[in-house]
PDB file of all heavy atoms in Angstrom:
ATOM      1  N   CYS A   1     -11.741   9.589   2.532  1.00  0.00           N
ATOM      2  CA  CYS A   1     -12.380   8.355   3.009  1.00  0.00           C
ATOM      3  C   CYS A   1     -12.961   7.546   1.847  1.00  0.00           C
ATOM      4  O   CYS A   1     -12.826   6.318   1.777  1.00  0.00           O
ATOM      5  CB  CYS A   1     -13.485   8.697   4.021  1.00  0.00           C
ATOM      6  SG  CYS A   1     -12.837   9.324   5.600  1.00  0.00           S
ATOM      7  N   ALA A   2     -13.613   8.245   0.938  1.00  0.00           N
ATOM      8  CA  ALA A   2     -14.201   7.576  -0.233  1.00  0.00           C
ATOM      9  C   ALA A   2     -13.123   6.969  -1.119  1.00  0.00           C
ATOM     10  O   ALA A   2     -13.253   5.851  -1.631  1.00  0.00           O
ATOM     11  CB  ALA A   2     -15.040   8.578  -1.030  1.00  0.00           C
ATOM     12  N   LEU A   3     -12.017   7.705  -1.296  1.00  0.00           N
ATOM     13  CA  LEU A   3     -10.918   7.220  -2.122  1.00  0.00           C
ATOM     14  C   LEU A   3     -10.286   5.975  -1.512  1.00  0.00           C
ATOM     15  O   LEU A   3      -9.979   5.002  -2.200  1.00  0.00           O
ATOM     16  CB  LEU A   3      -9.871   8.325  -2.282  1.00  0.00           C
ATOM     17  CG  LEU A   3      -8.678   8.014  -3.205  1.00  0.00           C
ATOM     18  CD1 LEU A   3      -9.168   7.754  -4.613  1.00  0.00           C
ATOM     19  CD2 LEU A   3      -7.679   9.162  -3.182  1.00  0.00           C
ATOM     20  N   THR A   4     -10.124   6.016  -0.169  1.00  0.00           N
ATOM     21  CA  THR A   4      -9.540   4.870   0.535  1.00  0.00           C
ATOM     22  C   THR A   4     -10.431   3.640   0.411  1.00  0.00           C
ATOM     23  O   THR A   4      -9.967   2.525   0.161  1.00  0.00           O
ATOM     24  CB  THR A   4      -9.328   5.204   2.017  1.00  0.00           C
ATOM     25  OG1 THR A   4      -8.468   6.343   2.130  1.00  0.00           O
ATOM     26  CG2 THR A   4      -8.697   4.028   2.764  1.00  0.00           C
ATOM     27  N   ALA A   5     -11.741   3.854   0.591  1.00  0.00           N
ATOM     28  CA  ALA A   5     -12.685   2.737   0.503  1.00  0.00           C
ATOM     29  C   ALA A   5     -12.685   2.124  -0.894  1.00  0.00           C
ATOM     30  O   ALA A   5     -12.720   0.902  -1.065  1.00  0.00           O
ATOM     31  CB  ALA A   5     -14.090   3.223   0.866  1.00  0.00           C
ATOM     32  N   THR A   6     -12.637   2.993  -1.894  1.00  0.00           N
ATOM     33  CA  THR A   6     -12.612   2.515  -3.281  1.00  0.00           C
ATOM     34  C   THR A   6     -11.357   1.700  -3.550  1.00  0.00           C
ATOM     35  O   THR A   6     -11.395   0.635  -4.171  1.00  0.00           O
ATOM     36  CB  THR A   6     -12.666   3.702  -4.259  1.00  0.00           C
ATOM     37  OG1 THR A   6     -13.858   4.454  -4.014  1.00  0.00           O
ATOM     38  CG2 THR A   6     -12.669   3.211  -5.702  1.00  0.00           C
ATOM     39  N   PHE A   7     -10.206   2.186  -3.058  1.00  0.00           N
ATOM     40  CA  PHE A   7      -8.943   1.468  -3.237  1.00  0.00           C
ATOM     41  C   PHE A   7      -8.997   0.092  -2.587  1.00  0.00           C
ATOM     42  O   PHE A   7      -8.557  -0.905  -3.161  1.00  0.00           O
ATOM     43  CB  PHE A   7      -7.801   2.290  -2.633  1.00  0.00           C
ATOM     44  CG  PHE A   7      -6.476   1.593  -2.672  1.00  0.00           C
ATOM     45  CD1 PHE A   7      -5.711   1.590  -3.836  1.00  0.00           C
ATOM     46  CD2 PHE A   7      -5.987   0.912  -1.555  1.00  0.00           C
ATOM     47  CE1 PHE A   7      -4.497   0.939  -3.876  1.00  0.00           C
ATOM     48  CE2 PHE A   7      -4.776   0.259  -1.602  1.00  0.00           C
ATOM     49  CZ  PHE A   7      -4.025   0.279  -2.766  1.00  0.00           C
ATOM     50  N   GLU A   8      -9.551   0.003  -1.385  1.00  0.00           N
ATOM     51  CA  GLU A   8      -9.632  -1.266  -0.666  1.00  0.00           C
ATOM     52  C   GLU A   8     -10.528  -2.275  -1.393  1.00  0.00           C
ATOM     53  O   GLU A   8     -10.234  -3.460  -1.463  1.00  0.00           O
ATOM     54  CB  GLU A   8     -10.150  -1.036   0.756  1.00  0.00           C
ATOM     55  CG  GLU A   8      -9.156  -0.299   1.657  1.00  0.00           C
ATOM     56  CD  GLU A   8      -9.713  -0.058   3.055  1.00  0.00           C
ATOM     57  OE1 GLU A   8     -10.912  -0.343   3.290  1.00  0.00           O
ATOM     58  OE2 GLU A   8      -8.946   0.389   3.912  1.00  0.00           O
ATOM     59  N   VAL A   9     -11.643  -1.765  -1.941  1.00  0.00           N
ATOM     60  CA  VAL A   9     -12.574  -2.652  -2.635  1.00  0.00           C
ATOM     61  C   VAL A   9     -11.955  -3.223  -3.901  1.00  0.00           C
ATOM     62  O   VAL A   9     -12.038  -4.414  -4.198  1.00  0.00           O
ATOM     63  CB  VAL A   9     -13.885  -1.910  -2.987  1.00  0.00           C
ATOM     64  CG1 VAL A   9     -14.738  -2.760  -3.924  1.00  0.00           C
ATOM     65  CG2 VAL A   9     -14.662  -1.601  -1.706  1.00  0.00           C
ATOM     66  N   ILE A  10     -11.279  -2.352  -4.663  1.00  0.00           N
ATOM     67  CA  ILE A  10     -10.735  -2.772  -5.952  1.00  0.00           C
ATOM     68  C   ILE A  10      -9.484  -3.626  -5.794  1.00  0.00           C
ATOM     69  O   ILE A  10      -9.333  -4.660  -6.438  1.00  0.00           O
ATOM     70  CB  ILE A  10     -10.424  -1.535  -6.843  1.00  0.00           C
ATOM     71  CG1 ILE A  10     -11.719  -0.803  -7.178  1.00  0.00           C
ATOM     72  CG2 ILE A  10      -9.693  -1.967  -8.117  1.00  0.00           C
ATOM     73  CD1 ILE A  10     -11.512   0.458  -7.961  1.00  0.00           C
ATOM     74  N   SER A  11      -8.560  -3.205  -4.920  1.00  0.00           N
ATOM     75  CA  SER A  11      -7.280  -3.902  -4.802  1.00  0.00           C
ATOM     76  C   SER A  11      -7.279  -5.017  -3.784  1.00  0.00           C
ATOM     77  O   SER A  11      -6.453  -5.918  -3.829  1.00  0.00           O
ATOM     78  CB  SER A  11      -6.181  -2.894  -4.431  1.00  0.00           C
ATOM     79  OG  SER A  11      -6.409  -2.393  -3.114  1.00  0.00           O
ATOM     80  N   GLY A  12      -8.213  -4.985  -2.829  1.00  0.00           N
ATOM     81  CA  GLY A  12      -8.229  -5.989  -1.776  1.00  0.00           C
ATOM     82  C   GLY A  12      -7.190  -5.720  -0.704  1.00  0.00           C
ATOM     83  O   GLY A  12      -6.921  -6.560   0.156  1.00  0.00           O
ATOM     84  N   VAL A  13      -6.564  -4.551  -0.730  1.00  0.00           N
ATOM     85  CA  VAL A  13      -5.552  -4.167   0.251  1.00  0.00           C
ATOM     86  C   VAL A  13      -6.114  -3.073   1.142  1.00  0.00           C
ATOM     87  O   VAL A  13      -6.620  -2.061   0.654  1.00  0.00           O
ATOM     88  CB  VAL A  13      -4.278  -3.654  -0.459  1.00  0.00           C
ATOM     89  CG1 VAL A  13      -3.226  -3.247   0.567  1.00  0.00           C
ATOM     90  CG2 VAL A  13      -3.741  -4.717  -1.394  1.00  0.00           C
ATOM     91  N   GLU A  14      -6.038  -3.285   2.447  1.00  0.00           N
ATOM     92  CA  GLU A  14      -6.560  -2.291   3.379  1.00  0.00           C
ATOM     93  C   GLU A  14      -5.536  -1.185   3.605  1.00  0.00           C
ATOM     94  O   GLU A  14      -4.324  -1.406   3.554  1.00  0.00           O
ATOM     95  CB  GLU A  14      -6.909  -2.953   4.712  1.00  0.00           C
ATOM     96  CG  GLU A  14      -8.057  -3.964   4.596  1.00  0.00           C
ATOM     97  CD  GLU A  14      -8.470  -4.508   5.944  1.00  0.00           C
ATOM     98  OE1 GLU A  14      -7.938  -4.018   6.964  1.00  0.00           O
ATOM     99  OE2 GLU A  14      -9.310  -5.412   5.982  1.00  0.00           O
ATOM    100  N   ALA A  15      -6.055   0.005   3.904  1.00  0.00           N
ATOM    101  CA  ALA A  15      -5.198   1.167   4.091  1.00  0.00           C
ATOM    102  C   ALA A  15      -4.235   0.975   5.258  1.00  0.00           C
ATOM    103  O   ALA A  15      -3.077   1.384   5.207  1.00  0.00           O
ATOM    104  CB  ALA A  15      -6.058   2.420   4.318  1.00  0.00           C
ATOM    105  N   LYS A  16      -4.691   0.298   6.315  1.00  0.00           N
ATOM    106  CA  LYS A  16      -3.832   0.098   7.483  1.00  0.00           C
ATOM    107  C   LYS A  16      -2.632  -0.783   7.149  1.00  0.00           C
ATOM    108  O   LYS A  16      -1.545  -0.637   7.727  1.00  0.00           O
ATOM    109  CB  LYS A  16      -4.619  -0.504   8.638  1.00  0.00           C
ATOM    110  CG  LYS A  16      -5.192  -1.896   8.350  1.00  0.00           C
ATOM    111  CD  LYS A  16      -5.991  -2.394   9.546  1.00  0.00           C
ATOM    112  CE  LYS A  16      -6.567  -3.779   9.273  1.00  0.00           C
ATOM    113  NZ  LYS A  16      -7.355  -4.287  10.431  1.00  0.00           N
ATOM    114  N   ASP A  17      -2.844  -1.689   6.171  1.00  0.00           N
ATOM    115  CA  ASP A  17      -1.728  -2.539   5.755  1.00  0.00           C
ATOM    116  C   ASP A  17      -0.675  -1.733   5.011  1.00  0.00           C
ATOM    117  O   ASP A  17       0.525  -1.985   5.137  1.00  0.00           O
ATOM    118  CB  ASP A  17      -2.234  -3.676   4.855  1.00  0.00           C
ATOM    119  CG  ASP A  17      -3.113  -4.658   5.615  1.00  0.00           C
ATOM    120  OD1 ASP A  17      -2.866  -4.836   6.821  1.00  0.00           O
ATOM    121  OD2 ASP A  17      -4.026  -5.237   4.988  1.00  0.00           O
ATOM    122  N   VAL A  18      -1.142  -0.770   4.239  1.00  0.00           N
ATOM    123  CA  VAL A  18      -0.213   0.110   3.525  1.00  0.00           C
ATOM    124  C   VAL A  18       0.651   0.864   4.520  1.00  0.00           C
ATOM    125  O   VAL A  18       1.866   0.997   4.364  1.00  0.00           O
ATOM    126  CB  VAL A  18      -0.978   1.097   2.625  1.00  0.00           C
ATOM    127  CG1 VAL A  18      -0.010   2.077   1.966  1.00  0.00           C
ATOM    128  CG2 VAL A  18      -1.765   0.349   1.563  1.00  0.00           C
ATOM    129  N   VAL A  19       0.023   1.356   5.582  1.00  0.00           N
ATOM    130  CA  VAL A  19       0.752   2.106   6.612  1.00  0.00           C
ATOM    131  C   VAL A  19       1.790   1.215   7.280  1.00  0.00           C
ATOM    132  O   VAL A  19       2.923   1.615   7.519  1.00  0.00           O
ATOM    133  CB  VAL A  19      -0.238   2.669   7.660  1.00  0.00           C
ATOM    134  CG1 VAL A  19       0.538   3.348   8.796  1.00  0.00           C
ATOM    135  CG2 VAL A  19      -1.194   3.649   7.012  1.00  0.00           C
ATOM    136  N   LYS A  20       1.382  -0.040   7.589  1.00  0.00           N
ATOM    137  CA  LYS A  20       2.310  -0.972   8.238  1.00  0.00           C
ATOM    138  C   LYS A  20       3.508  -1.270   7.353  1.00  0.00           C
ATOM    139  O   LYS A  20       4.648  -1.283   7.800  1.00  0.00           O
ATOM    140  CB  LYS A  20       1.584  -2.270   8.581  1.00  0.00           C
ATOM    141  CG  LYS A  20       0.593  -2.140   9.725  1.00  0.00           C
ATOM    142  CD  LYS A  20      -0.071  -3.486   9.992  1.00  0.00           C
ATOM    143  CE  LYS A  20      -1.093  -3.370  11.138  1.00  0.00           C
ATOM    144  NZ  LYS A  20      -1.776  -4.668  11.382  1.00  0.00           N
ATOM    145  N   TRP A  21       3.228  -1.522   6.062  1.00  0.00           N
ATOM    146  CA  TRP A  21       4.317  -1.815   5.138  1.00  0.00           C
ATOM    147  C   TRP A  21       5.275  -0.628   5.024  1.00  0.00           C
ATOM    148  O   TRP A  21       6.483  -0.785   5.013  1.00  0.00           O
ATOM    149  CB  TRP A  21       3.767  -2.149   3.752  1.00  0.00           C
ATOM    150  CG  TRP A  21       2.988  -3.429   3.708  1.00  0.00           C
ATOM    151  CD1 TRP A  21       3.072  -4.473   4.575  1.00  0.00           C
ATOM    152  CD2 TRP A  21       1.993  -3.782   2.744  1.00  0.00           C
ATOM    153  NE1 TRP A  21       2.195  -5.458   4.222  1.00  0.00           N
ATOM    154  CE2 TRP A  21       1.515  -5.065   3.098  1.00  0.00           C
ATOM    155  CE3 TRP A  21       1.460  -3.155   1.622  1.00  0.00           C
ATOM    156  CZ2 TRP A  21       0.536  -5.725   2.377  1.00  0.00           C
ATOM    157  CZ3 TRP A  21       0.509  -3.805   0.886  1.00  0.00           C
ATOM    158  CH2 TRP A  21       0.035  -5.081   1.267  1.00  0.00           C
ATOM    159  N   TYR A  22       4.682   0.540   4.926  1.00  0.00           N
ATOM    160  CA  TYR A  22       5.496   1.746   4.768  1.00  0.00           C
ATOM    161  C   TYR A  22       6.344   1.984   6.010  1.00  0.00           C
ATOM    162  O   TYR A  22       7.519   2.313   5.937  1.00  0.00           O
ATOM    163  CB  TYR A  22       4.588   2.945   4.487  1.00  0.00           C
ATOM    164  CG  TYR A  22       5.359   4.214   4.188  1.00  0.00           C
ATOM    165  CD1 TYR A  22       6.161   4.286   3.045  1.00  0.00           C
ATOM    166  CD2 TYR A  22       5.296   5.309   5.042  1.00  0.00           C
ATOM    167  CE1 TYR A  22       6.869   5.435   2.762  1.00  0.00           C
ATOM    168  CE2 TYR A  22       6.010   6.462   4.769  1.00  0.00           C
ATOM    169  CZ  TYR A  22       6.799   6.520   3.622  1.00  0.00           C
ATOM    170  OH  TYR A  22       7.505   7.649   3.350  1.00  0.00           O
ATOM    171  N   ALA A  23       5.738   1.793   7.189  1.00  0.00           N
ATOM    172  CA  ALA A  23       6.458   1.997   8.443  1.00  0.00           C
ATOM    173  C   ALA A  23       7.588   0.983   8.583  1.00  0.00           C
ATOM    174  O   ALA A  23       8.684   1.293   9.040  1.00  0.00           O
ATOM    175  CB  ALA A  23       5.487   1.858   9.619  1.00  0.00           C
ATOM    176  N   LYS A  24       7.321  -0.261   8.158  1.00  0.00           N
ATOM    177  CA  LYS A  24       8.341  -1.301   8.246  1.00  0.00           C
ATOM    178  C   LYS A  24       9.525  -0.969   7.363  1.00  0.00           C
ATOM    179  O   LYS A  24      10.687  -1.152   7.735  1.00  0.00           O
ATOM    180  CB  LYS A  24       7.730  -2.644   7.824  1.00  0.00           C
ATOM    181  CG  LYS A  24       8.713  -3.803   7.955  1.00  0.00           C
ATOM    182  CD  LYS A  24       8.027  -5.110   7.580  1.00  0.00           C
ATOM    183  CE  LYS A  24       9.018  -6.272   7.709  1.00  0.00           C
ATOM    184  NZ  LYS A  24       8.378  -7.554   7.344  1.00  0.00           N
ATOM    185  N   ASP A  25       9.247  -0.457   6.170  1.00  0.00           N
ATOM    186  CA  ASP A  25      10.324  -0.078   5.253  1.00  0.00           C
ATOM    187  C   ASP A  25      11.193   1.026   5.841  1.00  0.00           C
ATOM    188  O   ASP A  25      12.413   1.045   5.675  1.00  0.00           O
ATOM    189  CB  ASP A  25       9.747   0.380   3.911  1.00  0.00           C
ATOM    190  CG  ASP A  25       9.246  -0.803   3.084  1.00  0.00           C
ATOM    191  OD1 ASP A  25       9.612  -1.943   3.401  1.00  0.00           O
ATOM    192  OD2 ASP A  25       8.482  -0.542   2.130  1.00  0.00           O
ATOM    193  N   LEU A  26      10.539   1.962   6.539  1.00  0.00           N
ATOM    194  CA  LEU A  26      11.267   3.072   7.128  1.00  0.00           C
ATOM    195  C   LEU A  26      12.159   2.596   8.264  1.00  0.00           C
ATOM    196  O   LEU A  26      13.271   3.080   8.452  1.00  0.00           O
ATOM    197  CB  LEU A  26      10.285   4.133   7.636  1.00  0.00           C
ATOM    198  CG  LEU A  26       9.551   4.937   6.552  1.00  0.00           C
ATOM    199  CD1 LEU A  26       8.564   5.903   7.197  1.00  0.00           C
ATOM    200  CD2 LEU A  26      10.531   5.702   5.668  1.00  0.00           C
ATOM    201  N   THR A  27      11.679   1.640   9.061  1.00  0.00           N
ATOM    202  CA  THR A  27      12.428   1.169  10.230  1.00  0.00           C
ATOM    203  C   THR A  27      13.677   0.409   9.837  1.00  0.00           C
ATOM    204  O   THR A  27      14.654   0.403  10.571  1.00  0.00           O
ATOM    205  CB  THR A  27      11.554   0.260  11.114  1.00  0.00           C
ATOM    206  OG1 THR A  27      11.074  -0.820  10.333  1.00  0.00           O
ATOM    207  CG2 THR A  27      10.369   1.046  11.671  1.00  0.00           C
ATOM    208  N   ILE A  28      13.674  -0.250   8.719  1.00  0.00           N
ATOM    209  CA  ILE A  28      14.864  -1.010   8.319  1.00  0.00           C
ATOM    210  C   ILE A  28      15.790  -0.185   7.424  1.00  0.00           C
ATOM    211  O   ILE A  28      16.810  -0.655   6.963  1.00  0.00           O
ATOM    212  CB  ILE A  28      14.477  -2.308   7.579  1.00  0.00           C
ATOM    213  CG1 ILE A  28      13.705  -1.987   6.303  1.00  0.00           C
ATOM    214  CG2 ILE A  28      13.709  -3.224   8.475  1.00  0.00           C
ATOM    215  CD1 ILE A  28      13.369  -3.230   5.493  1.00  0.00           C
ATOM    216  N   GLY A  29      15.422   1.100   7.225  1.00  0.00           N
ATOM    217  CA  GLY A  29      16.309   2.017   6.523  1.00  0.00           C
ATOM    218  C   GLY A  29      16.476   1.742   5.057  1.00  0.00           C
ATOM    219  O   GLY A  29      17.507   2.086   4.478  1.00  0.00           O
ATOM    220  N   GLN A  30      15.505   1.078   4.455  1.00  0.00           N
ATOM    221  CA  GLN A  30      15.586   0.777   3.025  1.00  0.00           C
ATOM    222  C   GLN A  30      14.622   1.661   2.255  1.00  0.00           C
ATOM    223  O   GLN A  30      13.641   2.141   2.806  1.00  0.00           O
ATOM    224  CB  GLN A  30      15.245  -0.687   2.763  1.00  0.00           C
ATOM    225  CG  GLN A  30      16.226  -1.660   3.379  1.00  0.00           C
ATOM    226  CD  GLN A  30      15.805  -3.088   3.121  1.00  0.00           C
ATOM    227  OE1 GLN A  30      14.716  -3.342   2.661  1.00  0.00           O
ATOM    228  NE2 GLN A  30      16.699  -4.003   3.442  1.00  0.00           N
ATOM    229  N   GLU A  31      14.910   1.823   0.964  1.00  0.00           N
ATOM    230  CA  GLU A  31      13.995   2.562   0.119  1.00  0.00           C
ATOM    231  C   GLU A  31      12.741   1.746  -0.073  1.00  0.00           C
ATOM    232  O   GLU A  31      12.798   0.546  -0.357  1.00  0.00           O
ATOM    233  CB  GLU A  31      14.635   2.849  -1.243  1.00  0.00           C
ATOM    234  CG  GLU A  31      15.755   3.847  -1.175  1.00  0.00           C
ATOM    235  CD  GLU A  31      16.284   4.189  -2.534  1.00  0.00           C
ATOM    236  OE1 GLU A  31      15.678   3.724  -3.518  1.00  0.00           O
ATOM    237  OE2 GLU A  31      17.269   4.908  -2.604  1.00  0.00           O
ATOM    238  N   SER A  32      11.625   2.379   0.079  1.00  0.00           N
ATOM    239  CA  SER A  32      10.351   1.650   0.002  1.00  0.00           C
ATOM    240  C   SER A  32       9.883   1.516  -1.434  1.00  0.00           C
ATOM    241  O   SER A  32       9.796   2.483  -2.168  1.00  0.00           O
ATOM    242  CB  SER A  32       9.277   2.391   0.801  1.00  0.00           C
ATOM    243  OG  SER A  32       8.035   1.750   0.638  1.00  0.00           O
ATOM    244  N   ASP A  33       9.609   0.245  -1.798  1.00  0.00           N
ATOM    245  CA  ASP A  33       9.031  -0.047  -3.118  1.00  0.00           C
ATOM    246  C   ASP A  33       7.568  -0.411  -2.983  1.00  0.00           C
ATOM    247  O   ASP A  33       6.956  -0.907  -3.919  1.00  0.00           O
ATOM    248  CB  ASP A  33       9.767  -1.216  -3.776  1.00  0.00           C
ATOM    249  CG  ASP A  33      11.147  -0.820  -4.244  1.00  0.00           C
ATOM    250  OD1 ASP A  33      11.333   0.346  -4.616  1.00  0.00           O
ATOM    251  OD2 ASP A  33      12.029  -1.682  -4.206  1.00  0.00           O
ATOM    252  N   THR A  34       7.012  -0.164  -1.794  1.00  0.00           N
ATOM    253  CA  THR A  34       5.645  -0.605  -1.512  1.00  0.00           C
ATOM    254  C   THR A  34       4.646  -0.045  -2.492  1.00  0.00           C
ATOM    255  O   THR A  34       3.819  -0.770  -3.045  1.00  0.00           O
ATOM    256  CB  THR A  34       5.231  -0.194  -0.088  1.00  0.00           C
ATOM    257  OG1 THR A  34       6.174  -0.756   0.826  1.00  0.00           O
ATOM    258  CG2 THR A  34       3.828  -0.691   0.232  1.00  0.00           C
ATOM    259  N   PHE A  35       4.713   1.273  -2.714  1.00  0.00           N
ATOM    260  CA  PHE A  35       3.699   1.880  -3.567  1.00  0.00           C
ATOM    261  C   PHE A  35       3.868   1.462  -5.019  1.00  0.00           C
ATOM    262  O   PHE A  35       2.891   1.369  -5.763  1.00  0.00           O
ATOM    263  CB  PHE A  35       3.748   3.413  -3.427  1.00  0.00           C
ATOM    264  CG  PHE A  35       3.219   3.875  -2.106  1.00  0.00           C
ATOM    265  CD1 PHE A  35       4.095   4.224  -1.085  1.00  0.00           C
ATOM    266  CD2 PHE A  35       1.853   3.922  -1.868  1.00  0.00           C
ATOM    267  CE1 PHE A  35       3.596   4.641   0.142  1.00  0.00           C
ATOM    268  CE2 PHE A  35       1.362   4.329  -0.645  1.00  0.00           C
ATOM    269  CZ  PHE A  35       2.233   4.693   0.379  1.00  0.00           C
ATOM    270  N   ARG A  36       5.111   1.186  -5.410  1.00  0.00           N
ATOM    271  CA  ARG A  36       5.320   0.673  -6.756  1.00  0.00           C
ATOM    272  C   ARG A  36       4.699  -0.712  -6.904  1.00  0.00           C
ATOM    273  O   ARG A  36       4.030  -1.017  -7.886  1.00  0.00           O
ATOM    274  CB  ARG A  36       6.821   0.591  -7.062  1.00  0.00           C
ATOM    275  CG  ARG A  36       7.125   0.084  -8.473  1.00  0.00           C
ATOM    276  CD  ARG A  36       8.618   0.129  -8.759  1.00  0.00           C
ATOM    277  NE  ARG A  36       9.355  -0.703  -7.819  1.00  0.00           N
ATOM    278  CZ  ARG A  36       9.497  -2.013  -7.961  1.00  0.00           C
ATOM    279  NH1 ARG A  36       8.948  -2.634  -8.993  1.00  0.00           N
ATOM    280  NH2 ARG A  36      10.187  -2.720  -7.094  1.00  0.00           N
ATOM    281  N   VAL A  37       4.881  -1.550  -5.881  1.00  0.00           N
ATOM    282  CA  VAL A  37       4.291  -2.889  -5.892  1.00  0.00           C
ATOM    283  C   VAL A  37       2.784  -2.806  -5.882  1.00  0.00           C
ATOM    284  O   VAL A  37       2.085  -3.519  -6.611  1.00  0.00           O
ATOM    285  CB  VAL A  37       4.792  -3.708  -4.679  1.00  0.00           C
ATOM    286  CG1 VAL A  37       4.059  -5.040  -4.601  1.00  0.00           C
ATOM    287  CG2 VAL A  37       6.291  -3.936  -4.780  1.00  0.00           C
ATOM    288  N   LEU A  38       2.250  -1.906  -5.042  1.00  0.00           N
ATOM    289  CA  LEU A  38       0.799  -1.751  -4.982  1.00  0.00           C
ATOM    290  C   LEU A  38       0.243  -1.269  -6.309  1.00  0.00           C
ATOM    291  O   LEU A  38      -0.834  -1.678  -6.732  1.00  0.00           O
ATOM    292  CB  LEU A  38       0.426  -0.760  -3.873  1.00  0.00           C
ATOM    293  CG  LEU A  38       0.589  -1.277  -2.438  1.00  0.00           C
ATOM    294  CD1 LEU A  38       0.314  -0.149  -1.460  1.00  0.00           C
ATOM    295  CD2 LEU A  38      -0.333  -2.435  -2.173  1.00  0.00           C
ATOM    296  N   GLY A  39       1.003  -0.393  -6.965  1.00  0.00           N
ATOM    297  CA  GLY A  39       0.557   0.088  -8.263  1.00  0.00           C
ATOM    298  C   GLY A  39       0.467  -1.038  -9.273  1.00  0.00           C
ATOM    299  O   GLY A  39      -0.491  -1.139 -10.038  1.00  0.00           O
ATOM    300  N   LEU A  40       1.476  -1.919  -9.243  1.00  0.00           N
ATOM    301  CA  LEU A  40       1.456  -3.055 -10.147  1.00  0.00           C
ATOM    302  C   LEU A  40       0.323  -4.012  -9.794  1.00  0.00           C
ATOM    303  O   LEU A  40      -0.329  -4.561 -10.671  1.00  0.00           O
ATOM    304  CB  LEU A  40       2.793  -3.804 -10.077  1.00  0.00           C
ATOM    305  CG  LEU A  40       4.006  -3.048 -10.640  1.00  0.00           C
ATOM    306  CD1 LEU A  40       5.289  -3.833 -10.362  1.00  0.00           C
ATOM    307  CD2 LEU A  40       3.839  -2.793 -12.130  1.00  0.00           C
ATOM    308  N   THR A  41       0.087  -4.203  -8.499  1.00  0.00           N
ATOM    309  CA  THR A  41      -1.009  -5.065  -8.058  1.00  0.00           C
ATOM    310  C   THR A  41      -2.344  -4.516  -8.514  1.00  0.00           C
ATOM    311  O   THR A  41      -3.212  -5.225  -9.005  1.00  0.00           O
ATOM    312  CB  THR A  41      -1.015  -5.178  -6.518  1.00  0.00           C
ATOM    313  OG1 THR A  41       0.248  -5.669  -6.099  1.00  0.00           O
ATOM    314  CG2 THR A  41      -2.114  -6.117  -6.041  1.00  0.00           C
ATOM    315  N   PHE A  42      -2.499  -3.191  -8.329  1.00  0.00           N
ATOM    316  CA  PHE A  42      -3.737  -2.531  -8.727  1.00  0.00           C
ATOM    317  C   PHE A  42      -3.974  -2.695 -10.223  1.00  0.00           C
ATOM    318  O   PHE A  42      -5.084  -2.991 -10.670  1.00  0.00           O
ATOM    319  CB  PHE A  42      -3.645  -1.045  -8.358  1.00  0.00           C
ATOM    320  CG  PHE A  42      -4.906  -0.274  -8.634  1.00  0.00           C
ATOM    321  CD1 PHE A  42      -5.936  -0.257  -7.714  1.00  0.00           C
ATOM    322  CD2 PHE A  42      -5.057   0.427  -9.818  1.00  0.00           C
ATOM    323  CE1 PHE A  42      -7.097   0.451  -7.961  1.00  0.00           C
ATOM    324  CE2 PHE A  42      -6.208   1.139 -10.073  1.00  0.00           C
ATOM    325  CZ  PHE A  42      -7.237   1.158  -9.143  1.00  0.00           C
ATOM    326  N   LYS A  43      -2.886  -2.533 -10.993  1.00  0.00           N
ATOM    327  CA  LYS A  43      -2.995  -2.673 -12.442  1.00  0.00           C
ATOM    328  C   LYS A  43      -3.367  -4.096 -12.815  1.00  0.00           C
ATOM    329  O   LYS A  43      -4.189  -4.343 -13.705  1.00  0.00           O
ATOM    330  CB  LYS A  43      -1.663  -2.292 -13.088  1.00  0.00           C
ATOM    331  CG  LYS A  43      -1.674  -2.360 -14.613  1.00  0.00           C
ATOM    332  CD  LYS A  43      -0.337  -1.920 -15.160  1.00  0.00           C
ATOM    333  CE  LYS A  43      -0.333  -1.980 -16.684  1.00  0.00           C
ATOM    334  NZ  LYS A  43       0.962  -1.567 -17.245  1.00  0.00           N
ATOM    335  N   THR A  44      -2.760  -5.074 -12.122  1.00  0.00           N
ATOM    336  CA  THR A  44      -3.043  -6.481 -12.407  1.00  0.00           C
ATOM    337  C   THR A  44      -4.478  -6.834 -12.074  1.00  0.00           C
ATOM    338  O   THR A  44      -5.145  -7.573 -12.797  1.00  0.00           O
ATOM    339  CB  THR A  44      -2.092  -7.380 -11.597  1.00  0.00           C
ATOM    340  OG1 THR A  44      -0.749  -7.041 -11.935  1.00  0.00           O
ATOM    341  CG2 THR A  44      -2.340  -8.851 -11.905  1.00  0.00           C
TER     342      THR A  44
END
C-alpha cells in the first residue's frame, strides 16, 4: 500500500489506471509496453 501510494504521488499515475491499461493490452492480444512506458514516465 505504501509503495503504491508513493508511486502515485511521484508519477501522477493511479494504480487502477495501470490495471486498466494492462487489462486492455491483454484483451487485444498484444504485448504490453505499459510498464516500459511507465518506467520512462517515472524517470522523466
